[in-house]
Amino acid sequence: MAQRWHKDYNKYVKAIEIELNNREKEANYIGNFHFEIDGRIYVLHPQIVTTARVPTQRTILEPKK
């Protein structure tokens, strides 16, 4: 995804939707860290990872079991 730091959660999930749609995925945020992507439910696991003392925001979407 595009490398951008999002502090506002609403803007963050909207940016995820936009990026997935740009990748020709049908994606909708349904709330409570859950996305529907191409008919499947995924759970958002946002992470902050520090590499060489530089924090990076990572977006992890895992299929809901």
C-alpha atoms as a PDB file:
ATOM      1  CA  MET A   1       0.000   0.000   0.000  1.00  0.00           C
ATOM      2  CA  ALA A   2       0.968   3.599  -0.289  1.00  0.00           C
ATOM      3  CA  GLN A   3       3.429   4.650   2.388  1.00  0.00           C
ATOM      4  CA  ARG A   4       1.664   7.195   4.499  1.00  0.00           C
ATOM      5  CA  TRP A   5       1.247   7.563   8.248  1.00  0.00           C
ATOM      6  CA  HIS A   6      -2.366   7.756   9.397  1.00  0.00           C
ATOM      7  CA  LYS A   7      -3.085   8.942  12.942  1.00  0.00           C
ATOM      8  CA  ASP A   8      -6.849   9.300  12.444  1.00  0.00           C
ATOM      9  CA  TYR A   9      -8.440   5.829  12.441  1.00  0.00           C
ATOM     10  CA  ASN A  10     -11.319   6.862  10.141  1.00  0.00           C
ATOM     11  CA  LYS A  11      -8.897   8.226   7.546  1.00  0.00           C
ATOM     12  CA  TYR A  12      -6.754   5.109   7.941  1.00  0.00           C
ATOM     13  CA  VAL A  13      -9.550   2.640   7.149  1.00  0.00           C
ATOM     14  CA  LYS A  14     -10.735   4.859   4.267  1.00  0.00           C
ATOM     15  CA  ALA A  15      -7.201   4.841   2.829  1.00  0.00           C
ATOM     16  CA  ILE A  16      -7.169   1.039   3.063  1.00  0.00           C
ATOM     17  CA  GLU A  17     -10.495   0.840   1.195  1.00  0.00           C
ATOM     18  CA  ILE A  18      -9.217   3.193  -1.506  1.00  0.00           C
ATOM     19  CA  GLU A  19      -5.965   1.269  -1.938  1.00  0.00           C
ATOM     20  CA  LEU A  20      -7.766  -2.064  -2.198  1.00  0.00           C
ATOM     21  CA  ASN A  21     -10.253  -0.617  -4.694  1.00  0.00           C
ATOM     22  CA  ASN A  22      -7.316   0.723  -6.725  1.00  0.00           C
ATOM     23  CA  ARG A  23      -6.015  -2.852  -6.785  1.00  0.00           C
ATOM     24  CA  GLU A  24      -9.369  -3.874  -8.299  1.00  0.00           C
ATOM     25  CA  LYS A  25     -10.665  -5.478  -5.100  1.00  0.00           C
ATOM     26  CA  GLU A  26     -14.199  -4.919  -3.905  1.00  0.00           C
ATOM     27  CA  ALA A  27     -13.530  -3.666  -0.389  1.00  0.00           C
ATOM     28  CA  ASN A  28     -15.734  -2.148   2.302  1.00  0.00           C
ATOM     29  CA  TYR A  29     -15.008  -1.337   5.917  1.00  0.00           C
ATOM     30  CA  ILE A  30     -17.814  -2.849   7.998  1.00  0.00           C
ATOM     31  CA  GLY A  31     -16.638  -1.649  11.419  1.00  0.00           C
ATOM     32  CA  ASN A  32     -14.861  -2.968  14.480  1.00  0.00           C
ATOM     33  CA  PHE A  33     -11.594  -3.663  12.572  1.00  0.00           C
ATOM     34  CA  HIS A  34     -13.425  -5.778   9.952  1.00  0.00           C
ATOM     35  CA  PHE A  35     -13.339  -5.419   6.169  1.00  0.00           C
ATOM     36  CA  GLU A  36     -15.274  -7.269   3.529  1.00  0.00           C
ATOM     37  CA  ILE A  37     -12.948  -7.884   0.588  1.00  0.00           C
ATOM     38  CA  ASP A  38     -14.246  -9.727  -2.477  1.00  0.00           C
ATOM     39  CA  GLY A  39     -16.982 -11.331  -0.393  1.00  0.00           C
ATOM     40  CA  ARG A  40     -14.732 -12.531   2.450  1.00  0.00           C
ATOM     41  CA  ILE A  41     -14.350 -11.015   5.912  1.00  0.00           C
ATOM     42  CA  TYR A  42     -10.888  -9.862   7.008  1.00  0.00           C
ATOM     43  CA  VAL A  43      -9.698  -8.545  10.363  1.00  0.00           C
ATOM     44  CA  LEU A  44      -7.394  -5.518  10.466  1.00  0.00           C
ATOM     45  CA  HIS A  45      -4.296  -5.845  12.655  1.00  0.00           C
ATOM     46  CA  PRO A  46      -2.500  -2.475  12.487  1.00  0.00           C
ATOM     47  CA  GLN A  47       1.118  -2.559  13.633  1.00  0.00           C
ATOM     48  CA  ILE A  48       3.803  -0.034  14.382  1.00  0.00           C
ATOM     49  CA  VAL A  49       7.214  -1.504  13.581  1.00  0.00           C
ATOM     50  CA  THR A  50      10.490   0.267  14.289  1.00  0.00           C
ATOM     51  CA  THR A  51      13.360  -0.395  11.900  1.00  0.00           C
ATOM     52  CA  ALA A  52      16.636   1.429  12.401  1.00  0.00           C
ATOM     53  CA  ARG A  53      14.795   3.658  14.916  1.00  0.00           C
ATOM     54  CA  VAL A  54      12.270   4.745  12.284  1.00  0.00           C
ATOM     55  CA  PRO A  55       8.651   3.838  13.125  1.00  0.00           C
ATOM     56  CA  THR A  56       6.620   2.417  10.253  1.00  0.00           C
ATOM     57  CA  GLN A  57       2.884   1.790  10.179  1.00  0.00           C
ATOM     58  CA  ARG A  58       1.961  -1.617   8.766  1.00  0.00           C
ATOM     59  CA  THR A  59      -1.454  -2.856   7.740  1.00  0.00           C
ATOM     60  CA  ILE A  60      -2.131  -6.570   8.238  1.00  0.00           C
ATOM     61  CA  LEU A  61      -5.435  -7.991   6.976  1.00  0.00           C
ATOM     62  CA  GLU A  62      -6.080 -11.590   8.004  1.00  0.00           C
ATOM     63  CA  PRO A  63      -9.025 -13.703   6.857  1.00  0.00           C
ATOM     64  CA  LYS A  64     -11.540 -14.215   9.658  1.00  0.00           C
ATOM     65  CA  LYS A  65     -11.778 -17.836  10.715  1.00  0.00           C
END
